[in-house]
Amino acid sequence: MALSNDELACVYASLILADDNVDIKGDKIAAILKAANYEIESYWPGLFAGALEGIKVTDLIKNVGSAPAAAPAAAATTAAPAADDKKAAAGKDAPKKEEKKPEKEDSDEGEDMGFGLFD
């Protein structure tokens, strides 16, 4: 998704406001862009202000990568004790023996997989 320059300008202005702990409002975004001598369509600042209403942008930035990384780590920590509990309940720490099954020879003669062109 490619952002236009107008969208990027609003994003940067919103980040400036969030960094200064100022409420993100359309008129404040427009004021920052006017101070930067950047001309923008009048609807962009209000659109961004409405989208960010009630959202703490600084918390959003701090938690960008934390949620997906935490879920697999939590699953790994809960799975390991469960495996240890099973071993303790069984009273055996001996490795399991693997049984070998004889492998069938691959041959194309006489095999019908049921995939016919006109079935």
Protein backbone atom coordinates (compact mmCIF):
# COMPACT_ATOMS: atom_id res chain seq x y z
CA MET A 1 0.00 0.00 0.00
CA ALA A 2 1.64 3.20 -1.14
CA LEU A 3 0.80 6.32 0.82
CA SER A 4 0.44 9.66 -0.86
CA ASN A 5 2.48 12.64 0.27
CA ASP A 6 -0.63 14.18 1.85
CA GLU A 7 -1.20 11.09 3.96
CA LEU A 8 2.43 10.96 5.02
CA ALA A 9 2.36 14.62 5.96
CA CYS A 10 -0.65 13.99 8.21
CA VAL A 11 1.02 10.96 9.75
CA TYR A 12 4.17 12.94 10.54
CA ALA A 13 2.15 15.84 11.95
CA SER A 14 0.18 13.40 14.12
CA LEU A 15 3.40 11.85 15.39
CA ILE A 16 4.75 15.31 16.25
CA LEU A 17 1.62 16.08 18.24
CA ALA A 18 1.73 12.70 20.00
CA ASP A 19 5.41 13.18 20.87
CA ASP A 20 4.60 16.55 22.47
CA ASN A 21 1.66 14.99 24.41
CA VAL A 22 -0.82 17.23 22.61
CA ASP A 23 -4.30 16.05 21.67
CA ILE A 24 -4.47 15.17 18.00
CA LYS A 25 -7.06 17.48 16.46
CA GLY A 26 -7.64 18.43 12.84
CA ASP A 27 -6.85 22.09 13.37
CA LYS A 28 -3.55 21.26 15.09
CA ILE A 29 -2.50 18.95 12.26
CA ALA A 30 -3.40 21.69 9.78
CA ALA A 31 -1.38 24.24 11.79
CA ILE A 32 1.74 22.06 11.74
CA LEU A 33 1.41 21.50 8.01
CA LYS A 34 0.86 25.22 7.42
CA ALA A 35 3.99 26.01 9.46
CA ALA A 36 5.89 23.57 7.24
CA ASN A 37 4.56 25.37 4.13
CA TYR A 38 2.86 22.17 2.96
CA GLU A 39 -0.42 22.64 1.14
CA ILE A 40 -2.91 19.86 1.65
CA GLU A 41 -6.56 19.15 0.88
CA SER A 42 -8.72 20.41 3.72
CA TYR A 43 -10.29 17.04 4.53
CA TRP A 44 -7.04 15.19 5.41
CA PRO A 45 -6.36 16.69 8.88
CA GLY A 46 -9.93 16.04 10.05
CA LEU A 47 -9.83 12.52 8.66
CA PHE A 48 -6.67 11.66 10.56
CA ALA A 49 -7.88 13.35 13.73
CA GLY A 50 -11.10 11.34 13.60
CA ALA A 51 -9.23 8.09 13.05
CA LEU A 52 -6.92 8.74 16.00
CA GLU A 53 -9.62 10.00 18.35
CA GLY A 54 -9.37 8.25 21.73
CA ILE A 55 -6.19 6.38 20.79
CA LYS A 56 -2.91 6.90 22.60
CA VAL A 57 -0.48 6.96 19.70
CA THR A 58 2.58 6.60 21.96
CA ASP A 59 1.20 3.36 23.44
CA LEU A 60 0.40 2.14 19.94
CA ILE A 61 3.98 2.76 18.83
CA LYS A 62 5.46 1.09 21.92
CA ASN A 63 3.39 -2.08 21.39
CA VAL A 64 3.87 -2.49 17.64
CA GLY A 65 5.80 -5.78 17.72
CA SER A 66 5.00 -7.13 21.16
CA ALA A 67 1.66 -8.90 20.72
CA PRO A 68 2.53 -11.49 18.04
CA ALA A 69 5.86 -12.35 19.67
CA ALA A 70 4.28 -12.92 23.09
CA ALA A 71 1.77 -15.54 21.96
CA PRO A 72 4.24 -18.20 20.73
CA ALA A 73 6.44 -17.68 23.78
CA ALA A 74 3.48 -18.25 26.09
CA ALA A 75 2.50 -21.40 24.22
CA ALA A 76 6.03 -22.77 24.48
CA THR A 77 6.22 -22.18 28.23
CA THR A 78 2.90 -23.90 28.88
CA ALA A 79 3.70 -26.87 26.65
CA ALA A 80 7.02 -27.71 28.31
CA PRO A 81 5.66 -28.22 31.87
CA ALA A 82 2.80 -30.31 30.52
CA ALA A 83 5.27 -32.72 28.90
CA ASP A 84 7.27 -32.95 32.12
CA ASP A 85 4.10 -33.73 34.07
CA LYS A 86 3.25 -36.60 31.72
CA LYS A 87 6.69 -38.14 32.19
CA ALA A 88 6.45 -37.81 35.95
CA ALA A 89 2.99 -39.36 36.00
CA ALA A 90 4.13 -42.31 33.94
CA GLY A 91 7.23 -42.76 36.09
CA LYS A 92 9.32 -43.54 33.03
CA ASP A 93 12.03 -41.47 31.45
CA ALA A 94 13.03 -44.21 29.01
CA PRO A 95 12.92 -43.31 25.33
CA LYS A 96 10.26 -44.90 23.21
CA LYS A 97 11.22 -47.62 20.78
CA GLU A 98 10.43 -46.94 17.21
CA GLU A 99 9.00 -49.77 15.18
CA LYS A 100 10.09 -50.09 11.59
CA LYS A 101 7.46 -50.91 9.07
CA PRO A 102 8.51 -52.64 5.89
CA GLU A 103 8.42 -50.25 2.98
CA LYS A 104 6.43 -51.15 -0.08
CA GLU A 105 8.15 -51.08 -3.40
CA ASP A 106 6.92 -48.41 -5.73
CA SER A 107 5.52 -49.84 -8.91
CA ASP A 108 3.17 -48.35 -11.42
CA GLU A 109 1.91 -51.66 -12.72
CA GLY A 110 -1.70 -52.50 -11.97
CA GLU A 111 -2.37 -49.53 -9.70
CA ASP A 112 -5.53 -47.57 -10.28
CA MET A 113 -5.69 -44.46 -8.16
CA GLY A 114 -9.25 -43.74 -9.25
CA PHE A 115 -8.32 -40.57 -11.08
CA GLY A 116 -9.63 -41.20 -14.54
CA LEU A 117 -10.04 -38.60 -17.18
CA PHE A 118 -13.65 -39.61 -17.89
CA ASP A 119 -14.78 -40.91 -14.47
